[in-house]
Amino acid sequence: TIIFAAADTTLGWRGIRFYNTLSTNDSSKISY
């Protein structure tokens, strides 16, 4: 499994953000 996590679980991290990503790009895939 690929793990996205925070070193400090209390403060956390700000996540994965797709804001107005152009649809001309290939599809992004997040699996397992």
PDB file of all heavy atoms in Angstrom:
ATOM      1  N   THR A   1       0.839  -1.192   0.000  1.00  0.00           N
ATOM      2  CA  THR A   1       0.000   0.000   0.000  1.00  0.00           C
ATOM      3  C   THR A   1       0.879   1.249   0.000  1.00  0.00           C
ATOM      4  O   THR A   1       1.925   1.278   0.645  1.00  0.00           O
ATOM      5  CB  THR A   1      -0.893  -0.009   1.257  1.00  0.00           C
ATOM      6  OG1 THR A   1      -1.665  -1.198   1.249  1.00  0.00           O
ATOM      7  CG2 THR A   1      -1.810   1.187   1.303  1.00  0.00           C
ATOM      8  N   ILE A   2       0.444   2.267  -0.714  1.00  0.00           N
ATOM      9  CA  ILE A   2       1.095   3.579  -0.657  1.00  0.00           C
ATOM     10  C   ILE A   2       0.432   4.345   0.491  1.00  0.00           C
ATOM     11  O   ILE A   2      -0.792   4.362   0.599  1.00  0.00           O
ATOM     12  CB  ILE A   2       0.922   4.338  -1.984  1.00  0.00           C
ATOM     13  CG1 ILE A   2       1.620   3.582  -3.120  1.00  0.00           C
ATOM     14  CG2 ILE A   2       1.458   5.765  -1.865  1.00  0.00           C
ATOM     15  CD1 ILE A   2       1.271   4.090  -4.508  1.00  0.00           C
ATOM     16  N   ILE A   3       1.252   4.964   1.334  1.00  0.00           N
ATOM     17  CA  ILE A   3       0.721   5.663   2.504  1.00  0.00           C
ATOM     18  C   ILE A   3       1.022   7.153   2.401  1.00  0.00           C
ATOM     19  O   ILE A   3       2.165   7.555   2.190  1.00  0.00           O
ATOM     20  CB  ILE A   3       1.320   5.095   3.808  1.00  0.00           C
ATOM     21  CG1 ILE A   3       0.951   3.621   3.954  1.00  0.00           C
ATOM     22  CG2 ILE A   3       0.848   5.909   5.018  1.00  0.00           C
ATOM     23  CD1 ILE A   3       1.645   2.911   5.095  1.00  0.00           C
ATOM     24  N   PHE A   4      -0.041   7.966   2.546  1.00  0.00           N
ATOM     25  CA  PHE A   4       0.085   9.421   2.668  1.00  0.00           C
ATOM     26  C   PHE A   4      -0.301   9.742   4.108  1.00  0.00           C
ATOM     27  O   PHE A   4      -1.433   9.491   4.508  1.00  0.00           O
ATOM     28  CB  PHE A   4      -0.886  10.132   1.722  1.00  0.00           C
ATOM     29  CG  PHE A   4      -0.602   9.939   0.258  1.00  0.00           C
ATOM     30  CD1 PHE A   4      -1.154   8.865  -0.426  1.00  0.00           C
ATOM     31  CD2 PHE A   4       0.196  10.835  -0.440  1.00  0.00           C
ATOM     32  CE1 PHE A   4      -0.922   8.683  -1.786  1.00  0.00           C
ATOM     33  CE2 PHE A   4       0.438  10.663  -1.802  1.00  0.00           C
ATOM     34  CZ  PHE A   4      -0.115   9.583  -2.474  1.00  0.00           C
ATOM     35  N   ALA A   5       0.625  10.297   4.876  1.00  0.00           N
ATOM     36  CA  ALA A   5       0.349  10.547   6.290  1.00  0.00           C
ATOM     37  C   ALA A   5       1.119  11.774   6.763  1.00  0.00           C
ATOM     38  O   ALA A   5       1.935  12.339   6.039  1.00  0.00           O
ATOM     39  CB  ALA A   5       0.710   9.321   7.126  1.00  0.00           C
ATOM     40  N   ALA A   6       0.852  12.155   8.001  1.00  0.00           N
ATOM     41  CA  ALA A   6       1.508  13.306   8.620  1.00  0.00           C
ATOM     42  C   ALA A   6       2.500  12.838   9.668  1.00  0.00           C
ATOM     43  O   ALA A   6       2.224  11.907  10.416  1.00  0.00           O
ATOM     44  CB  ALA A   6       0.460  14.200   9.268  1.00  0.00           C
ATOM     45  N   ALA A   7       3.649  13.506   9.717  1.00  0.00           N
ATOM     46  CA  ALA A   7       4.629  13.211  10.765  1.00  0.00           C
ATOM     47  C   ALA A   7       4.031  13.530  12.132  1.00  0.00           C
ATOM     48  O   ALA A   7       4.241  12.801  13.093  1.00  0.00           O
ATOM     49  CB  ALA A   7       5.907  14.011  10.534  1.00  0.00           C
ATOM     50  N   ASP A   8       3.254  14.609  12.205  1.00  0.00           N
ATOM     51  CA  ASP A   8       2.582  15.003  13.433  1.00  0.00           C
ATOM     52  C   ASP A   8       1.078  14.807  13.208  1.00  0.00           C
ATOM     53  O   ASP A   8       0.441  15.600  12.522  1.00  0.00           O
ATOM     54  CB  ASP A   8       2.901  16.465  13.761  1.00  0.00           C
ATOM     55  CG  ASP A   8       2.251  16.943  15.062  1.00  0.00           C
ATOM     56  OD1 ASP A   8       1.187  16.409  15.456  1.00  0.00           O
ATOM     57  OD2 ASP A   8       2.810  17.869  15.678  1.00  0.00           O
ATOM     58  N   THR A   9       0.529  13.754  13.773  1.00  0.00           N
ATOM     59  CA  THR A   9      -0.873  13.419  13.513  1.00  0.00           C
ATOM     60  C   THR A   9      -1.842  14.429  14.134  1.00  0.00           C
ATOM     61  O   THR A   9      -2.988  14.507  13.726  1.00  0.00           O
ATOM     62  CB  THR A   9      -1.203  12.000  14.012  1.00  0.00           C
ATOM     63  OG1 THR A   9      -0.931  11.914  15.411  1.00  0.00           O
ATOM     64  CG2 THR A   9      -0.375  10.963  13.258  1.00  0.00           C
ATOM     65  N   THR A  10      -1.393  15.221  15.097  1.00  0.00           N
ATOM     66  CA  THR A  10      -2.246  16.251  15.677  1.00  0.00           C
ATOM     67  C   THR A  10      -2.399  17.426  14.717  1.00  0.00           C
ATOM     68  O   THR A  10      -3.501  17.915  14.485  1.00  0.00           O
ATOM     69  CB  THR A  10      -1.680  16.741  17.022  1.00  0.00           C
ATOM     70  OG1 THR A  10      -1.579  15.608  17.894  1.00  0.00           O
ATOM     71  CG2 THR A  10      -2.576  17.784  17.651  1.00  0.00           C
ATOM     72  N   LEU A  11      -1.306  17.882  14.135  1.00  0.00           N
ATOM     73  CA  LEU A  11      -1.357  18.990  13.173  1.00  0.00           C
ATOM     74  C   LEU A  11      -1.855  18.514  11.805  1.00  0.00           C
ATOM     75  O   LEU A  11      -2.524  19.244  11.100  1.00  0.00           O
ATOM     76  CB  LEU A  11       0.020  19.624  13.003  1.00  0.00           C
ATOM     77  CG  LEU A  11       0.531  20.437  14.178  1.00  0.00           C
ATOM     78  CD1 LEU A  11       1.949  20.931  13.907  1.00  0.00           C
ATOM     79  CD2 LEU A  11      -0.396  21.610  14.449  1.00  0.00           C
ATOM     80  N   GLY A  12      -1.502  17.302  11.422  1.00  0.00           N
ATOM     81  CA  GLY A  12      -1.909  16.743  10.155  1.00  0.00           C
ATOM     82  C   GLY A  12      -1.191  17.348   8.966  1.00  0.00           C
ATOM     83  O   GLY A  12      -0.189  18.057   9.102  1.00  0.00           O
ATOM     84  N   TRP A  13      -1.723  17.036   7.782  1.00  0.00           N
ATOM     85  CA  TRP A  13      -1.254  17.607   6.528  1.00  0.00           C
ATOM     86  C   TRP A  13      -2.484  18.110   5.795  1.00  0.00           C
ATOM     87  O   TRP A  13      -3.600  17.934   6.284  1.00  0.00           O
ATOM     88  CB  TRP A  13      -0.448  16.575   5.722  1.00  0.00           C
ATOM     89  CG  TRP A  13      -1.188  15.332   5.303  1.00  0.00           C
ATOM     90  CD1 TRP A  13      -1.699  14.363   6.128  1.00  0.00           C
ATOM     91  CD2 TRP A  13      -1.530  14.934   3.975  1.00  0.00           C
ATOM     92  NE1 TRP A  13      -2.323  13.393   5.396  1.00  0.00           N
ATOM     93  CE2 TRP A  13      -2.229  13.714   4.061  1.00  0.00           C
ATOM     94  CE3 TRP A  13      -1.306  15.483   2.718  1.00  0.00           C
ATOM     95  CZ2 TRP A  13      -2.711  13.040   2.949  1.00  0.00           C
ATOM     96  CZ3 TRP A  13      -1.773  14.793   1.613  1.00  0.00           C
ATOM     97  CH2 TRP A  13      -2.472  13.592   1.742  1.00  0.00           C
ATOM     98  N   ARG A  14      -2.365  18.736   4.651  1.00  0.00           N
ATOM     99  CA  ARG A  14      -3.503  19.406   4.019  1.00  0.00           C
ATOM    100  C   ARG A  14      -4.139  18.629   2.861  1.00  0.00           C
ATOM    101  O   ARG A  14      -4.970  19.171   2.150  1.00  0.00           O
ATOM    102  CB  ARG A  14      -3.112  20.813   3.547  1.00  0.00           C
ATOM    103  CG  ARG A  14      -2.787  21.762   4.691  1.00  0.00           C
ATOM    104  CD  ARG A  14      -4.002  21.989   5.596  1.00  0.00           C
ATOM    105  NE  ARG A  14      -3.685  22.823   6.729  1.00  0.00           N
ATOM    106  CZ  ARG A  14      -3.454  22.368   7.952  1.00  0.00           C
ATOM    107  NH1 ARG A  14      -3.511  21.086   8.223  1.00  0.00           N
ATOM    108  NH2 ARG A  14      -3.165  23.205   8.921  1.00  0.00           N
ATOM    109  N   GLY A  15      -3.776  17.367   2.684  1.00  0.00           N
ATOM    110  CA  GLY A  15      -4.470  16.526   1.717  1.00  0.00           C
ATOM    111  C   GLY A  15      -4.013  16.693   0.274  1.00  0.00           C
ATOM    112  O   GLY A  15      -3.120  17.472  -0.037  1.00  0.00           O
ATOM    113  N   ILE A  16      -4.678  15.930  -0.601  1.00  0.00           N
ATOM    114  CA  ILE A  16      -4.432  15.985  -2.042  1.00  0.00           C
ATOM    115  C   ILE A  16      -5.512  16.868  -2.639  1.00  0.00           C
ATOM    116  O   ILE A  16      -6.702  16.647  -2.401  1.00  0.00           O
ATOM    117  CB  ILE A  16      -4.456  14.576  -2.664  1.00  0.00           C
ATOM    118  CG1 ILE A  16      -3.366  13.698  -2.026  1.00  0.00           C
ATOM    119  CG2 ILE A  16      -4.256  14.672  -4.181  1.00  0.00           C
ATOM    120  CD1 ILE A  16      -3.414  12.238  -2.472  1.00  0.00           C
ATOM    121  N   ARG A  17      -5.124  17.852  -3.416  1.00  0.00           N
ATOM    122  CA  ARG A  17      -6.030  18.874  -3.927  1.00  0.00           C
ATOM    123  C   ARG A  17      -6.021  18.918  -5.447  1.00  0.00           C
ATOM    124  O   ARG A  17      -4.964  19.051  -6.054  1.00  0.00           O
ATOM    125  CB  ARG A  17      -5.602  20.247  -3.410  1.00  0.00           C
ATOM    126  CG  ARG A  17      -5.390  20.239  -1.923  1.00  0.00           C
ATOM    127  CD  ARG A  17      -6.498  20.996  -1.256  1.00  0.00           C
ATOM    128  NE  ARG A  17      -6.528  20.690   0.143  1.00  0.00           N
ATOM    129  CZ  ARG A  17      -7.607  20.275   0.767  1.00  0.00           C
ATOM    130  NH1 ARG A  17      -8.730  20.119   0.136  1.00  0.00           N
ATOM    131  NH2 ARG A  17      -7.585  20.016   2.039  1.00  0.00           N
ATOM    132  N   PHE A  18      -7.200  18.795  -6.028  1.00  0.00           N
ATOM    133  CA  PHE A  18      -7.392  18.972  -7.468  1.00  0.00           C
ATOM    134  C   PHE A  18      -8.287  20.200  -7.634  1.00  0.00           C
ATOM    135  O   PHE A  18      -9.496  20.101  -7.447  1.00  0.00           O
ATOM    136  CB  PHE A  18      -8.093  17.755  -8.077  1.00  0.00           C
ATOM    137  CG  PHE A  18      -7.299  16.477  -8.037  1.00  0.00           C
ATOM    138  CD1 PHE A  18      -7.334  15.666  -6.917  1.00  0.00           C
ATOM    139  CD2 PHE A  18      -6.532  16.080  -9.127  1.00  0.00           C
ATOM    140  CE1 PHE A  18      -6.626  14.472  -6.874  1.00  0.00           C
ATOM    141  CE2 PHE A  18      -5.821  14.888  -9.095  1.00  0.00           C
ATOM    142  CZ  PHE A  18      -5.864  14.089  -7.967  1.00  0.00           C
ATOM    143  N   TYR A  19      -7.715  21.367  -7.925  1.00  0.00           N
ATOM    144  CA  TYR A  19      -8.488  22.595  -8.099  1.00  0.00           C
ATOM    145  C   TYR A  19      -8.377  23.047  -9.544  1.00  0.00           C
ATOM    146  O   TYR A  19      -7.300  23.466  -9.983  1.00  0.00           O
ATOM    147  CB  TYR A  19      -7.966  23.727  -7.210  1.00  0.00           C
ATOM    148  CG  TYR A  19      -8.131  23.518  -5.731  1.00  0.00           C
ATOM    149  CD1 TYR A  19      -7.195  24.012  -4.841  1.00  0.00           C
ATOM    150  CD2 TYR A  19      -9.224  22.839  -5.208  1.00  0.00           C
ATOM    151  CE1 TYR A  19      -7.336  23.835  -3.473  1.00  0.00           C
ATOM    152  CE2 TYR A  19      -9.375  22.657  -3.844  1.00  0.00           C
ATOM    153  CZ  TYR A  19      -8.427  23.160  -2.986  1.00  0.00           C
ATOM    154  OH  TYR A  19      -8.565  22.981  -1.634  1.00  0.00           O
ATOM    155  N   ASN A  20      -9.468  22.943 -10.288  1.00  0.00           N
ATOM    156  CA  ASN A  20      -9.488  23.407 -11.676  1.00  0.00           C
ATOM    157  C   ASN A  20      -8.382  22.775 -12.517  1.00  0.00           C
ATOM    158  O   ASN A  20      -7.831  23.417 -13.415  1.00  0.00           O
ATOM    159  CB  ASN A  20      -9.403  24.939 -11.734  1.00  0.00           C
ATOM    160  CG  ASN A  20     -10.544  25.588 -10.992  1.00  0.00           C
ATOM    161  OD1 ASN A  20     -11.703  25.265 -11.210  1.00  0.00           O
ATOM    162  ND2 ASN A  20     -10.219  26.502 -10.087  1.00  0.00           N
ATOM    163  N   THR A  21      -8.044  21.522 -12.221  1.00  0.00           N
ATOM    164  CA  THR A  21      -7.065  20.797 -13.016  1.00  0.00           C
ATOM    165  C   THR A  21      -7.642  20.638 -14.420  1.00  0.00           C
ATOM    166  O   THR A  21      -8.812  20.282 -14.573  1.00  0.00           O
ATOM    167  CB  THR A  21      -6.782  19.420 -12.374  1.00  0.00           C
ATOM    168  OG1 THR A  21      -6.356  19.636 -11.019  1.00  0.00           O
ATOM    169  CG2 THR A  21      -5.711  18.667 -13.129  1.00  0.00           C
ATOM    170  N   LEU A  22      -6.841  20.918 -15.435  1.00  0.00           N
ATOM    171  CA  LEU A  22      -7.346  20.877 -16.805  1.00  0.00           C
ATOM    172  C   LEU A  22      -7.711  19.450 -17.221  1.00  0.00           C
ATOM    173  O   LEU A  22      -6.965  18.506 -16.961  1.00  0.00           O
ATOM    174  CB  LEU A  22      -6.306  21.448 -17.775  1.00  0.00           C
ATOM    175  CG  LEU A  22      -5.997  22.930 -17.608  1.00  0.00           C
ATOM    176  CD1 LEU A  22      -4.931  23.368 -18.612  1.00  0.00           C
ATOM    177  CD2 LEU A  22      -7.254  23.775 -17.778  1.00  0.00           C
ATOM    178  N   SER A  23      -8.842  19.311 -17.880  1.00  0.00           N
ATOM    179  CA  SER A  23      -9.291  17.984 -18.315  1.00  0.00           C
ATOM    180  C   SER A  23      -8.492  17.460 -19.493  1.00  0.00           C
ATOM    181  O   SER A  23      -8.670  16.326 -19.919  1.00  0.00           O
ATOM    182  CB  SER A  23     -10.779  18.009 -18.653  1.00  0.00           C
ATOM    183  OG  SER A  23     -11.010  18.909 -19.711  1.00  0.00           O
ATOM    184  N   THR A  24      -7.573  18.251 -20.034  1.00  0.00           N
ATOM    185  CA  THR A  24      -6.704  17.775 -21.112  1.00  0.00           C
ATOM    186  C   THR A  24      -5.599  16.857 -20.568  1.00  0.00           C
ATOM    187  O   THR A  24      -4.935  16.168 -21.343  1.00  0.00           O
ATOM    188  CB  THR A  24      -6.073  18.954 -21.866  1.00  0.00           C
ATOM    189  OG1 THR A  24      -5.472  19.841 -20.919  1.00  0.00           O
ATOM    190  CG2 THR A  24      -7.128  19.712 -22.670  1.00  0.00           C
ATOM    191  N   ASN A  25      -5.384  16.847 -19.255  1.00  0.00           N
ATOM    192  CA  ASN A  25      -4.411  15.938 -18.650  1.00  0.00           C
ATOM    193  C   ASN A  25      -4.992  14.525 -18.580  1.00  0.00           C
ATOM    194  O   ASN A  25      -6.205  14.347 -18.538  1.00  0.00           O
ATOM    195  CB  ASN A  25      -4.052  16.402 -17.239  1.00  0.00           C
ATOM    196  CG  ASN A  25      -3.180  17.636 -17.253  1.00  0.00           C
ATOM    197  OD1 ASN A  25      -2.072  17.598 -17.755  1.00  0.00           O
ATOM    198  ND2 ASN A  25      -3.694  18.735 -16.718  1.00  0.00           N
ATOM    199  N   ASP A  26      -4.115  13.522 -18.573  1.00  0.00           N
ATOM    200  CA  ASP A  26      -4.564  12.149 -18.386  1.00  0.00           C
ATOM    201  C   ASP A  26      -5.190  12.002 -17.004  1.00  0.00           C
ATOM    202  O   ASP A  26      -4.899  12.778 -16.093  1.00  0.00           O
ATOM    203  CB  ASP A  26      -3.384  11.172 -18.503  1.00  0.00           C
ATOM    204  CG  ASP A  26      -2.909  11.002 -19.938  1.00  0.00           C
ATOM    205  OD1 ASP A  26      -3.707  11.237 -20.863  1.00  0.00           O
ATOM    206  OD2 ASP A  26      -1.748  10.625 -20.116  1.00  0.00           O
ATOM    207  N   SER A  27      -6.014  10.962 -16.848  1.00  0.00           N
ATOM    208  CA  SER A  27      -6.682  10.713 -15.569  1.00  0.00           C
ATOM    209  C   SER A  27      -5.682  10.423 -14.461  1.00  0.00           C
ATOM    210  O   SER A  27      -4.714   9.691 -14.660  1.00  0.00           O
ATOM    211  CB  SER A  27      -7.634   9.525 -15.698  1.00  0.00           C
ATOM    212  OG  SER A  27      -8.693   9.847 -16.554  1.00  0.00           O
ATOM    213  N   SER A  28      -5.939  10.992 -13.293  1.00  0.00           N
ATOM    214  CA  SER A  28      -5.151  10.664 -12.109  1.00  0.00           C
ATOM    215  C   SER A  28      -5.750   9.416 -11.477  1.00  0.00           C
ATOM    216  O   SER A  28      -6.969   9.217 -11.510  1.00  0.00           O
ATOM    217  CB  SER A  28      -5.176  11.820 -11.110  1.00  0.00           C
ATOM    218  OG  SER A  28      -4.370  12.881 -11.567  1.00  0.00           O
ATOM    219  N   LYS A  29      -4.890   8.575 -10.895  1.00  0.00           N
ATOM    220  CA  LYS A  29      -5.347   7.329 -10.283  1.00  0.00           C
ATOM    221  C   LYS A  29      -4.724   7.178  -8.907  1.00  0.00           C
ATOM    222  O   LYS A  29      -3.514   7.279  -8.745  1.00  0.00           O
ATOM    223  CB  LYS A  29      -4.971   6.138 -11.162  1.00  0.00           C
ATOM    224  CG  LYS A  29      -5.688   6.155 -12.494  1.00  0.00           C
ATOM    225  CD  LYS A  29      -5.325   4.964 -13.346  1.00  0.00           C
ATOM    226  CE  LYS A  29      -6.128   5.025 -14.625  1.00  0.00           C
ATOM    227  NZ  LYS A  29      -5.360   5.044 -15.813  1.00  0.00           N
ATOM    228  N   ILE A  30      -5.586   6.935  -7.924  1.00  0.00           N
ATOM    229  CA  ILE A  30      -5.168   6.677  -6.548  1.00  0.00           C
ATOM    230  C   ILE A  30      -5.796   5.339  -6.174  1.00  0.00           C
ATOM    231  O   ILE A  30      -7.011   5.229  -6.061  1.00  0.00           O
ATOM    232  CB  ILE A  30      -5.644   7.806  -5.610  1.00  0.00           C
ATOM    233  CG1 ILE A  30      -5.043   9.144  -6.043  1.00  0.00           C
ATOM    234  CG2 ILE A  30      -5.322   7.481  -4.162  1.00  0.00           C
ATOM    235  CD1 ILE A  30      -5.655  10.355  -5.364  1.00  0.00           C
ATOM    236  N   SER A  31      -4.971   4.316  -6.041  1.00  0.00           N
ATOM    237  CA  SER A  31      -5.487   2.971  -5.785  1.00  0.00           C
ATOM    238  C   SER A  31      -4.579   2.237  -4.807  1.00  0.00           C
ATOM    239  O   SER A  31      -3.355   2.360  -4.876  1.00  0.00           O
ATOM    240  CB  SER A  31      -5.561   2.213  -7.120  1.00  0.00           C
ATOM    241  OG  SER A  31      -6.174   0.968  -6.949  1.00  0.00           O
ATOM    242  N   TYR A  32      -5.186   1.478  -3.906  1.00  0.00           N
ATOM    243  CA  TYR A  32      -4.458   0.773  -2.855  1.00  0.00           C
ATOM    244  C   TYR A  32      -3.544   1.748  -2.107  1.00  0.00           C
ATOM    245  O   TYR A  32      -2.349   1.524  -1.944  1.00  0.00           O
ATOM    246  CB  TYR A  32      -3.684  -0.429  -3.400  1.00  0.00           C
ATOM    247  CG  TYR A  32      -4.607  -1.521  -3.880  1.00  0.00           C
ATOM    248  CD1 TYR A  32      -4.863  -1.705  -5.236  1.00  0.00           C
ATOM    249  CD2 TYR A  32      -5.257  -2.354  -2.976  1.00  0.00           C
ATOM    250  CE1 TYR A  32      -5.740  -2.690  -5.678  1.00  0.00           C
ATOM    251  CE2 TYR A  32      -6.131  -3.347  -3.403  1.00  0.00           C
ATOM    252  CZ  TYR A  32      -6.358  -3.507  -4.755  1.00  0.00           C
ATOM    253  OH  TYR A  32      -7.230  -4.470  -5.179  1.00  0.00           O
TER     254      TYR A  32
END
